């Protein structure tokens, strides 16, 4: 059914109605004629469209937005006429089901649409805009074909403590006032990394290497920002990261776009989960998508409220660009991208999943290590439920409660335990739990003799 011919918005006296329906039809329905995501990778070269989906959606978004603004009053007027004689619109007779809505009106037929949990709000695409799950899936399938053709994956980036760090001006003024002077004195420097945002009373510090990082990953990934911060703050700081709008366009998802309170989800992302990697410093907000997640070492440049630990600014330090967290993760992302697209070029997509690639890379880090823990877990708890045990397993280590000749490492909080003595007597590595944590964040096996990983002689009878 043609939307232009059958929409109540179609009128011989208004070409705008045609544009509105046609634009939305192209955006929402074109994906239905695309090949299945399980088509052979080799088939991606057949009948390829001139533009990628990202460019098409961007162009259509502008067109649709312009038409929506022009047609809004006309939609309401016609809708009121249609329902003037009835308390319930006959929308089910016009386009069952409604593919989406704009300000409560169906994007196809213009009728008032009742609240429906089957539609997902995509406020970051356009305010008051929703799409049904089926329409979102159509867009994902179309996007999938273009991404595979362009050899791109999807990368979702958190903001705070991942790409940057922000603090309220009054807090900075009280604890590290020199930073305000630095922000003022460098405001005309195009290479500055610290910004005073008077409009929202914040001071923001970009993480070292972030501009190089974004430039390099943008050639391999379609980029999204996903933050639990409010929309106004998110858009303000994204301008610092992407002033020309070349990386994210409108793909900035904020707190108001979440469909589950205090949780981030891929349900509002127009991409197949098998292509998605996530960078975030907080695991707890991604419980539904833990396998897609790369947990970042947190970037604490400013003093943290309620924390006694010294921040980088209080110590007069900062991460080194070439050795910082973003430089480390860039290497991981490059390898994951290469491994994903090197897997049997002609294989069907159904056999590919970047989550499995990530798991393989992570398991190589401590492969060949067998670890026994000493006084790390409490006596009355299951050792295998402890975060450090789980972390070591994810890194490819074998974890055990018992000592034997195959054990390579004893991870301990106390140098004086029986297991610690055994490690020294049998020339096995004796390391602090920080060694496992470092391997997890550095994506490599750290040297066991590092000063940070030495075990001290302390006693805690509550632990074993």
Protein backbone atom coordinates (compact mmCIF):
# COMPACT_ATOMS: atom_id res chain seq x y z
CA UNK A 1 0.00 0.00 0.00
CA UNK A 2 1.36 3.38 -0.95
CA UNK A 3 1.41 5.83 1.89
CA UNK A 4 1.06 8.76 -0.46
CA UNK A 5 -2.05 7.43 -2.12
CA UNK A 6 -3.79 6.18 1.00
CA UNK A 7 -2.79 8.67 3.65
CA UNK A 8 -5.49 11.11 4.80
CA UNK A 9 -2.76 13.74 4.56
CA UNK A 10 -2.67 13.40 0.81
CA UNK A 11 -4.29 16.41 -0.79
CA UNK A 12 -4.21 17.83 -4.30
CA UNK A 13 -3.92 21.27 -2.78
CA UNK A 14 -0.83 20.46 -0.76
CA UNK A 15 2.33 18.90 -2.13
CA UNK A 16 3.74 19.05 1.40
CA UNK A 17 1.50 16.12 2.35
CA UNK A 18 3.05 14.06 -0.46
CA UNK A 19 6.54 14.97 0.73
CA UNK A 20 5.69 14.07 4.29
CA UNK A 21 4.27 10.65 3.47
CA UNK A 22 6.92 9.87 0.87
CA UNK A 23 9.77 10.83 3.15
CA UNK A 24 8.49 8.70 5.99
CA UNK A 25 7.73 5.83 3.65
CA UNK A 26 11.30 5.88 2.39
CA UNK A 27 12.72 6.05 5.90
CA UNK A 28 10.47 3.43 7.49
CA UNK A 29 9.69 1.00 4.68
CA UNK A 30 12.71 0.91 2.36
CA UNK A 31 14.45 -1.56 4.64
CA UNK A 32 11.76 -4.18 3.99
CA UNK A 33 13.11 -4.76 0.47
CA UNK A 34 16.68 -5.32 1.69
CA UNK A 35 18.29 -8.75 1.69
CA UNK A 36 18.21 -10.83 4.86
CA UNK A 37 21.10 -10.31 7.33
CA UNK A 38 22.02 -13.94 6.67
CA UNK A 39 22.79 -13.30 2.99
CA UNK A 40 26.27 -14.33 1.99
CA UNK A 41 28.87 -11.64 2.62
CA UNK A 42 29.76 -11.92 -1.06
CA UNK A 43 26.25 -10.80 -1.98
CA UNK A 44 26.81 -7.41 -0.35
CA UNK A 45 28.31 -6.09 -3.60
CA UNK A 46 25.13 -6.76 -5.59
CA UNK A 47 22.80 -3.82 -6.23
CA UNK A 48 24.58 -1.68 -3.66
CA UNK A 49 23.04 1.69 -3.05
CA UNK A 50 25.09 4.79 -3.69
CA UNK A 51 24.90 6.09 -0.12
CA UNK A 52 25.34 4.25 3.16
CA UNK A 53 22.30 3.96 5.45
CA UNK A 54 23.84 6.45 7.83
CA UNK A 55 23.96 9.12 5.14
CA UNK A 56 20.48 8.23 3.91
CA UNK A 57 18.95 8.36 7.37
CA UNK A 58 20.71 11.66 8.05
CA UNK A 59 19.33 13.13 4.83
CA UNK A 60 15.87 11.73 5.43
CA UNK A 61 15.89 12.91 9.02
CA UNK A 62 16.43 16.48 7.84
CA UNK A 63 13.74 16.16 5.20
CA UNK A 64 11.22 14.55 7.54
CA UNK A 65 11.90 17.07 10.29
CA UNK A 66 11.33 19.97 7.92
CA UNK A 67 8.11 18.45 6.60
CA UNK A 68 6.91 17.56 10.09
CA UNK A 69 7.34 21.15 11.19
CA UNK A 70 5.40 22.43 8.19
CA UNK A 71 2.68 19.80 8.42
CA UNK A 72 2.10 19.66 12.18
CA UNK A 73 -0.82 22.10 12.28
CA UNK A 74 -2.35 20.51 9.18
CA UNK A 75 -2.06 17.01 10.72
CA UNK A 76 -3.82 18.15 13.88
CA UNK A 77 -6.55 19.94 11.95
CA UNK A 78 -7.26 16.94 9.73
CA UNK A 79 -7.07 14.55 12.66
CA UNK A 80 -9.61 16.63 14.59
CA UNK A 81 -11.90 16.57 11.57
CA UNK A 82 -11.57 12.76 11.33
CA UNK A 83 -12.46 12.19 14.96
CA UNK A 84 -15.02 14.98 15.27
CA UNK A 85 -17.92 12.55 15.12
CA UNK A 86 -16.33 9.80 17.17
CA UNK A 87 -14.46 9.57 20.46
CA UNK A 88 -12.23 6.87 19.01
CA UNK A 89 -10.28 7.39 15.75
CA UNK A 90 -10.71 4.81 13.07
CA UNK A 91 -6.94 4.49 12.79
CA UNK A 92 -7.05 0.71 12.86
CA UNK A 93 -8.92 0.82 9.57
CA UNK A 94 -6.28 3.05 8.00
CA UNK A 95 -2.90 1.57 8.87
CA UNK A 96 -2.84 -1.39 11.19
CA UNK A 97 -0.49 -1.35 12.98
CA UNK A 98 0.92 2.16 13.33
CA UNK A 99 4.64 2.09 12.41
CA UNK A 100 5.49 5.05 14.62
CA UNK A 101 4.32 8.36 16.00
CA UNK A 102 5.26 12.01 16.19
CA UNK A 103 3.76 14.04 19.04
CA UNK A 104 1.09 11.39 19.47
CA UNK A 105 0.12 11.23 15.79
CA UNK A 106 0.76 8.26 13.52
CA UNK A 107 3.62 8.97 11.12
CA UNK A 108 1.75 7.17 8.35
CA UNK A 109 -1.96 7.95 8.63
CA UNK A 110 -1.94 11.04 10.84
CA UNK A 111 -4.45 9.64 13.30
CA UNK A 112 -4.10 10.02 17.05
CA UNK A 113 -2.22 7.04 18.49
CA UNK A 114 -2.87 5.61 21.92
CA UNK A 115 0.08 4.90 24.21
CA UNK A 116 1.61 1.60 23.23
CA UNK A 117 4.54 -0.08 24.97
CA UNK A 118 5.40 -1.88 21.73
CA UNK A 119 6.74 1.40 20.30
CA UNK A 120 10.17 2.66 21.34
CA UNK A 121 10.80 6.33 21.93
CA UNK A 122 13.72 7.60 19.85
CA UNK A 123 13.97 11.10 21.25
CA UNK A 124 17.60 11.42 20.25
CA UNK A 125 16.58 11.02 16.58
CA UNK A 126 13.76 13.54 16.86
CA UNK A 127 11.85 14.84 19.85
CA UNK A 128 8.51 13.10 20.47
CA UNK A 129 9.31 10.48 17.83
CA UNK A 130 8.61 6.76 18.32
CA UNK A 131 8.92 3.68 16.15
CA UNK A 132 7.47 0.23 16.52
CA UNK A 133 9.85 -2.63 17.24
CA UNK A 134 9.19 -4.07 13.78
CA UNK A 135 10.13 -0.80 12.05
CA UNK A 136 13.30 -0.53 14.15
CA UNK A 137 14.20 -4.06 13.12
CA UNK A 138 13.77 -3.12 9.46
CA UNK A 139 16.21 -0.24 9.90
CA UNK A 140 18.65 -2.53 11.70
CA UNK A 141 18.61 -5.02 8.84
CA UNK A 142 19.23 -2.31 6.28
CA UNK A 143 21.96 -0.78 8.44
CA UNK A 144 23.55 -4.22 8.82
CA UNK A 145 24.01 -4.62 5.09
CA UNK A 146 25.65 -1.22 4.73
CA UNK A 147 27.94 -1.73 7.73
CA UNK A 148 29.18 -5.09 6.49
CA UNK A 149 29.72 -3.68 3.02
CA UNK A 150 31.72 -0.77 4.47
CA UNK A 151 33.53 -3.09 6.90
CA UNK A 152 32.29 -1.22 9.94
CA UNK A 153 31.04 -2.27 13.37
CA UNK A 154 29.16 -0.19 15.96
CA UNK A 155 30.88 1.42 18.95
CA UNK A 156 28.88 2.93 21.82
CA UNK A 157 30.78 5.37 24.03
CA UNK A 158 30.04 6.54 27.53
CA UNK A 159 31.03 10.12 28.41
CA UNK A 160 31.88 10.69 32.08
CA UNK A 161 34.98 8.87 33.35
CA UNK A 162 35.36 7.23 29.92
CA UNK A 163 36.03 10.02 27.41
CA UNK A 164 36.19 12.94 29.84
CA UNK A 165 35.66 14.11 33.41
CA UNK A 166 33.47 16.99 34.58
CA UNK A 167 32.99 18.76 37.89
CA UNK A 168 30.90 21.64 39.17
CA UNK A 169 32.72 24.98 39.11
CA UNK A 170 32.14 25.56 42.82
CA UNK A 171 33.75 22.23 43.73
CA UNK A 172 36.78 22.91 41.55
CA UNK A 173 37.08 26.41 42.95
CA UNK A 174 37.18 25.04 46.50
CA UNK A 175 39.70 22.24 45.92
CA UNK A 176 41.83 22.97 42.83
CA UNK A 177 41.31 26.66 41.97
CA UNK A 178 44.33 26.72 39.65
CA UNK A 179 42.31 24.76 37.09
CA UNK A 180 39.85 27.63 36.66
CA UNK A 181 42.74 29.96 35.90
CA UNK A 182 44.14 27.38 33.46
CA UNK A 183 40.79 27.11 31.68
CA UNK A 184 40.54 30.90 31.33
CA UNK A 185 44.13 31.36 30.17
CA UNK A 186 43.89 28.66 27.47
CA UNK A 187 40.40 29.41 26.14
CA UNK A 188 41.82 30.60 22.81
CA UNK A 189 44.13 27.61 22.42
CA UNK A 190 42.69 25.23 19.77
CA UNK A 191 44.59 22.34 21.37
CA UNK A 192 43.32 22.87 24.91
CA UNK A 193 41.78 19.97 26.81
CA UNK A 194 40.11 21.79 29.70
CA UNK A 195 36.93 23.81 29.20
CA UNK A 196 34.92 26.13 31.41
CA UNK A 197 31.24 25.71 30.56
CA UNK A 198 29.62 28.73 32.17
CA UNK A 199 26.16 27.96 30.81
CA UNK A 200 25.94 24.78 32.87
CA UNK A 201 28.46 25.81 35.57
CA UNK A 202 30.81 22.93 34.85
CA UNK A 203 34.50 22.43 34.19
CA UNK A 204 35.25 19.62 31.75
CA UNK A 205 38.58 17.90 31.09
CA UNK A 206 38.95 15.73 27.99
CA UNK A 207 40.82 12.48 28.49
CA UNK A 208 44.28 12.48 26.89
CA UNK A 209 44.35 10.93 23.40
CA UNK A 210 40.57 11.29 22.96
CA UNK A 211 40.69 13.23 19.66
CA UNK A 212 43.11 10.78 18.07
CA UNK A 213 41.04 7.92 19.44
CA UNK A 214 37.81 9.21 17.88
CA UNK A 215 39.47 9.90 14.57
CA UNK A 216 40.87 6.37 14.33
CA UNK A 217 37.83 4.44 15.55
CA UNK A 218 35.49 6.40 13.27
CA UNK A 219 37.05 4.65 10.26
CA UNK A 220 36.15 1.23 11.73
CA UNK A 221 32.94 1.93 13.65
CA UNK A 222 29.65 3.78 13.46
CA UNK A 223 29.75 5.82 16.67
CA UNK A 224 27.11 6.51 19.32
CA UNK A 225 27.30 8.37 22.62
CA UNK A 226 25.25 6.82 25.42
CA UNK A 227 25.26 8.56 28.81
CA UNK A 228 23.14 8.53 31.95
CA UNK A 229 23.60 12.30 32.12
CA UNK A 230 20.85 14.72 31.15
CA UNK A 231 20.41 15.73 27.52
CA UNK A 232 21.54 19.36 27.94
CA UNK A 233 24.84 18.34 29.52
CA UNK A 234 25.41 15.53 27.00
CA UNK A 235 25.04 17.79 23.98
CA UNK A 236 27.20 20.49 25.58
CA UNK A 237 30.19 18.22 26.13
CA UNK A 238 29.77 16.33 22.85
CA UNK A 239 30.43 19.66 21.13
CA UNK A 240 33.87 19.60 22.75
CA UNK A 241 34.57 16.11 21.42
CA UNK A 242 32.98 16.56 18.01
CA UNK A 243 32.65 20.27 17.19
CA UNK A 244 32.04 19.65 13.47
CA UNK A 245 29.54 16.84 14.01
CA UNK A 246 31.54 14.36 11.95
CA UNK A 247 31.54 11.46 14.45
CA UNK A 248 28.17 11.31 16.17
CA UNK A 249 25.75 13.45 14.14
CA UNK A 250 22.53 13.12 16.21
CA UNK A 251 23.44 9.76 17.73
CA UNK A 252 23.69 11.12 21.29
CA UNK A 253 21.57 9.04 23.67
CA UNK A 254 21.01 10.47 27.15
CA UNK A 255 19.15 9.64 30.36
CA UNK A 256 15.71 10.52 29.03
CA UNK A 257 16.08 8.02 26.18
CA UNK A 258 16.54 4.98 28.44
CA UNK A 259 13.62 2.55 28.35
CA UNK A 260 14.55 0.92 31.69
CA UNK A 261 15.30 3.14 34.72
CA UNK A 262 18.99 3.32 35.62
CA UNK A 263 19.86 0.93 32.79
CA UNK A 264 21.34 1.44 29.36
CA UNK A 265 20.06 -0.76 26.56
CA UNK A 266 20.58 -1.47 22.88
CA UNK A 267 16.83 -1.35 22.24
CA UNK A 268 17.19 2.31 21.22
CA UNK A 269 20.24 1.68 19.02
CA UNK A 270 19.63 1.12 15.31
CA UNK A 271 22.17 -1.67 15.02
CA UNK A 272 22.42 -5.45 15.31
CA UNK A 273 23.77 -6.55 18.71
CA UNK A 274 26.23 -8.88 17.01
CA UNK A 275 28.08 -5.85 15.64
CA UNK A 276 28.08 -3.74 18.81
CA UNK A 277 30.93 -3.01 21.22
CA UNK A 278 30.48 -0.75 24.24
CA UNK A 279 33.01 1.34 26.18
CA UNK A 280 31.85 2.31 29.66
CA UNK A 281 33.40 2.62 33.11
CA UNK A 282 30.28 1.23 34.82
CA UNK A 283 29.32 -2.41 34.35
CA UNK A 284 26.13 -2.19 36.42
CA UNK A 285 24.23 -0.14 33.82
CA UNK A 286 24.79 -2.73 31.07
CA UNK A 287 23.45 -5.87 32.76
CA UNK A 288 21.46 -6.78 29.64
CA UNK A 289 24.48 -6.49 27.36
CA UNK A 290 27.49 -7.50 29.45
CA UNK A 291 29.04 -9.50 26.60
CA UNK A 292 29.25 -6.39 24.41
CA UNK A 293 30.99 -4.37 27.12
CA UNK A 294 34.62 -3.33 27.47
CA UNK A 295 34.94 -1.92 30.98
CA UNK A 296 37.12 1.18 31.03
CA UNK A 297 39.51 2.24 33.75
CA UNK A 298 37.82 5.29 35.26
CA UNK A 299 39.23 8.70 34.48
CA UNK A 300 39.31 10.76 37.69
CA UNK A 301 40.90 14.09 36.85
CA UNK A 302 38.87 16.23 39.26
CA UNK A 303 38.38 15.58 43.00
CA UNK A 304 35.51 13.18 43.53
CA UNK A 305 32.76 13.99 46.02
CA UNK A 306 32.87 11.59 48.97
CA UNK A 307 36.24 10.11 48.01
CA UNK A 308 39.45 10.38 50.03
CA UNK A 309 41.61 9.24 47.11
CA UNK A 310 43.64 11.93 45.41
CA UNK A 311 42.52 12.83 41.92
CA UNK A 312 44.96 13.31 39.06
CA UNK A 313 44.64 17.09 39.26
CA UNK A 314 45.34 17.09 43.00
CA UNK A 315 48.47 15.04 42.33
CA UNK A 316 49.53 17.33 39.49
CA UNK A 317 49.40 14.43 37.02
CA UNK A 318 47.46 13.19 34.03
CA UNK A 319 47.33 10.07 31.89
CA UNK A 320 50.03 9.76 29.25
CA UNK A 321 48.55 9.81 25.75
CA UNK A 322 50.60 6.93 24.41
CA UNK A 323 50.06 4.71 27.48
CA UNK A 324 46.64 5.80 28.73
CA UNK A 325 43.41 3.86 28.77
CA UNK A 326 42.16 5.08 25.38
CA UNK A 327 45.43 4.18 23.63
CA UNK A 328 45.22 0.71 25.19
CA UNK A 329 41.60 0.17 24.17
CA UNK A 330 42.25 1.43 20.65
CA UNK A 331 44.59 -1.53 20.12
CA UNK A 332 41.89 -3.90 21.36
CA UNK A 333 39.27 -2.37 19.06
CA UNK A 334 41.57 -2.56 16.05
CA UNK A 335 42.23 -6.22 16.72
CA UNK A 336 38.55 -7.03 17.27
CA UNK A 337 37.65 -5.28 14.02
CA UNK A 338 40.35 -7.12 12.09
CA UNK A 339 39.43 -10.52 13.54
CA UNK A 340 35.74 -10.00 12.83
CA UNK A 341 36.23 -9.19 9.16
CA UNK A 342 39.05 -11.70 8.66
CA UNK A 343 36.77 -14.57 9.64
CA UNK A 344 36.01 -16.45 6.43
CA UNK A 345 35.21 -13.56 4.09
CA UNK A 346 32.45 -15.51 2.35
CA UNK A 347 30.78 -16.83 5.51
CA UNK A 348 27.19 -15.95 6.27
CA UNK A 349 26.74 -13.22 8.85
CA UNK A 350 24.88 -15.63 11.12
CA UNK A 351 28.23 -17.22 11.96
CA UNK A 352 29.81 -13.90 12.99
CA UNK A 353 29.50 -12.15 16.34
CA UNK A 354 31.86 -9.49 17.66
CA UNK A 355 30.97 -10.56 21.20
CA UNK A 356 32.64 -13.91 20.57
CA UNK A 357 35.65 -12.14 19.09
CA UNK A 358 35.95 -9.99 22.21
CA UNK A 359 35.71 -13.06 24.41
CA UNK A 360 38.53 -14.74 22.47
CA UNK A 361 40.81 -11.71 22.79
CA UNK A 362 40.14 -11.41 26.52
CA UNK A 363 40.74 -15.11 27.22
CA UNK A 364 44.21 -14.95 25.72
CA UNK A 365 45.45 -12.55 28.42
CA UNK A 366 45.93 -15.05 31.25
CA UNK A 367 45.72 -18.23 29.23
CA UNK A 368 47.97 -20.91 30.74
CA UNK A 369 47.73 -19.48 34.26
CA UNK A 370 46.26 -21.49 37.13
CA UNK A 371 45.39 -19.37 40.15
CA UNK A 372 44.72 -20.18 43.79
CA UNK A 373 43.42 -17.41 46.04
CA UNK A 374 44.44 -16.81 49.66
CA UNK A 375 42.54 -14.50 52.04
CA UNK A 376 40.87 -12.74 49.13
CA UNK A 377 37.41 -14.27 49.63
CA UNK A 378 35.51 -14.36 52.93
CA UNK A 379 35.19 -17.75 54.60
CA UNK A 380 31.40 -17.86 54.46
CA UNK A 381 31.13 -17.07 50.75
CA UNK A 382 31.42 -19.07 47.54
CA UNK A 383 34.85 -18.26 46.10
CA UNK A 384 33.65 -18.62 42.50
CA UNK A 385 31.17 -15.77 43.04
CA UNK A 386 33.89 -13.29 43.96
CA UNK A 387 34.51 -10.54 41.35
CA UNK A 388 38.27 -11.22 41.22
CA UNK A 389 37.70 -14.95 40.60
CA UNK A 390 35.24 -14.14 37.79
CA UNK A 391 37.62 -11.56 36.37
CA UNK A 392 40.48 -14.08 36.24
CA UNK A 393 38.26 -16.64 34.50
CA UNK A 394 37.21 -14.11 31.86
CA UNK A 395 40.91 -13.54 31.22
CA UNK A 396 41.43 -17.23 30.49
CA UNK A 397 42.92 -18.33 33.82
CA UNK A 398 41.93 -21.55 35.57
CA UNK A 399 40.90 -20.83 39.18
CA UNK A 400 41.08 -23.38 41.98
CA UNK A 401 40.80 -23.69 45.76
CA UNK A 402 43.49 -26.36 46.00
CA UNK A 403 47.26 -26.29 45.64
CA UNK A 404 48.97 -28.70 43.24
CA UNK A 405 51.93 -28.76 40.89
CA UNK A 406 49.95 -27.15 38.06
CA UNK A 407 49.32 -23.91 40.01
CA UNK A 408 51.25 -20.96 38.54
CA UNK A 409 50.02 -18.08 40.74
CA UNK A 410 48.87 -17.55 44.29
CA UNK A 411 46.82 -14.35 44.57
CA UNK A 412 46.88 -13.24 48.18
CA UNK A 413 46.27 -10.34 50.55
CA UNK A 414 48.67 -11.70 53.16
CA UNK A 415 52.28 -12.83 52.73
CA UNK A 416 52.08 -15.00 55.87
CA UNK A 417 49.40 -17.51 54.83
CA UNK A 418 50.09 -21.20 54.17
CA UNK A 419 49.35 -20.78 50.46
CA UNK A 420 51.64 -17.75 50.24
CA UNK A 421 54.46 -19.73 51.86
CA UNK A 422 53.84 -22.58 49.41
CA UNK A 423 54.13 -20.19 46.46
CA UNK A 424 57.52 -18.91 47.61
CA UNK A 425 58.84 -22.37 48.47
CA UNK A 426 57.78 -23.79 45.10
CA UNK A 427 58.87 -20.75 43.11
CA UNK A 428 55.39 -19.82 42.00
CA UNK A 429 54.23 -16.26 41.49
CA UNK A 430 52.83 -14.60 44.61
CA UNK A 431 50.84 -11.48 43.64
CA UNK A 432 48.27 -9.08 45.04
CA UNK A 433 44.69 -9.12 43.58
CA UNK A 434 45.62 -5.85 41.88
CA UNK A 435 47.60 -7.98 39.42
CA UNK A 436 44.38 -9.56 38.11
CA UNK A 437 42.66 -6.18 37.96
CA UNK A 438 45.58 -4.67 36.06
CA UNK A 439 45.44 -7.48 33.50
CA UNK A 440 41.71 -6.86 33.07
CA UNK A 441 42.09 -3.15 32.32
CA UNK A 442 45.45 -3.22 30.51
CA UNK A 443 44.42 -6.13 28.25
CA UNK A 444 47.79 -7.80 28.77
CA UNK A 445 49.56 -9.88 31.41
CA UNK A 446 51.46 -7.48 33.70
CA UNK A 447 54.89 -8.36 35.05
CA UNK A 448 54.38 -10.10 38.35
CA UNK A 449 57.36 -8.42 40.04
CA UNK A 450 55.83 -4.96 39.73
CA UNK A 451 55.87 -2.94 42.95
CA UNK A 452 52.10 -2.49 42.85
CA UNK A 453 51.56 -6.27 42.96
CA UNK A 454 53.74 -7.16 45.94
CA UNK A 455 51.98 -8.88 48.85
CA UNK A 456 52.53 -7.47 52.34
CA UNK A 457 52.52 -9.36 55.63
CA UNK A 458 49.11 -8.51 57.09
CA UNK A 459 46.67 -10.69 58.98
CA UNK A 460 42.88 -10.80 58.56
CA UNK A 461 41.27 -13.73 60.31
CA UNK A 462 37.91 -13.09 58.66
CA UNK A 463 39.33 -14.09 55.30
CA UNK A 464 41.04 -17.24 54.11
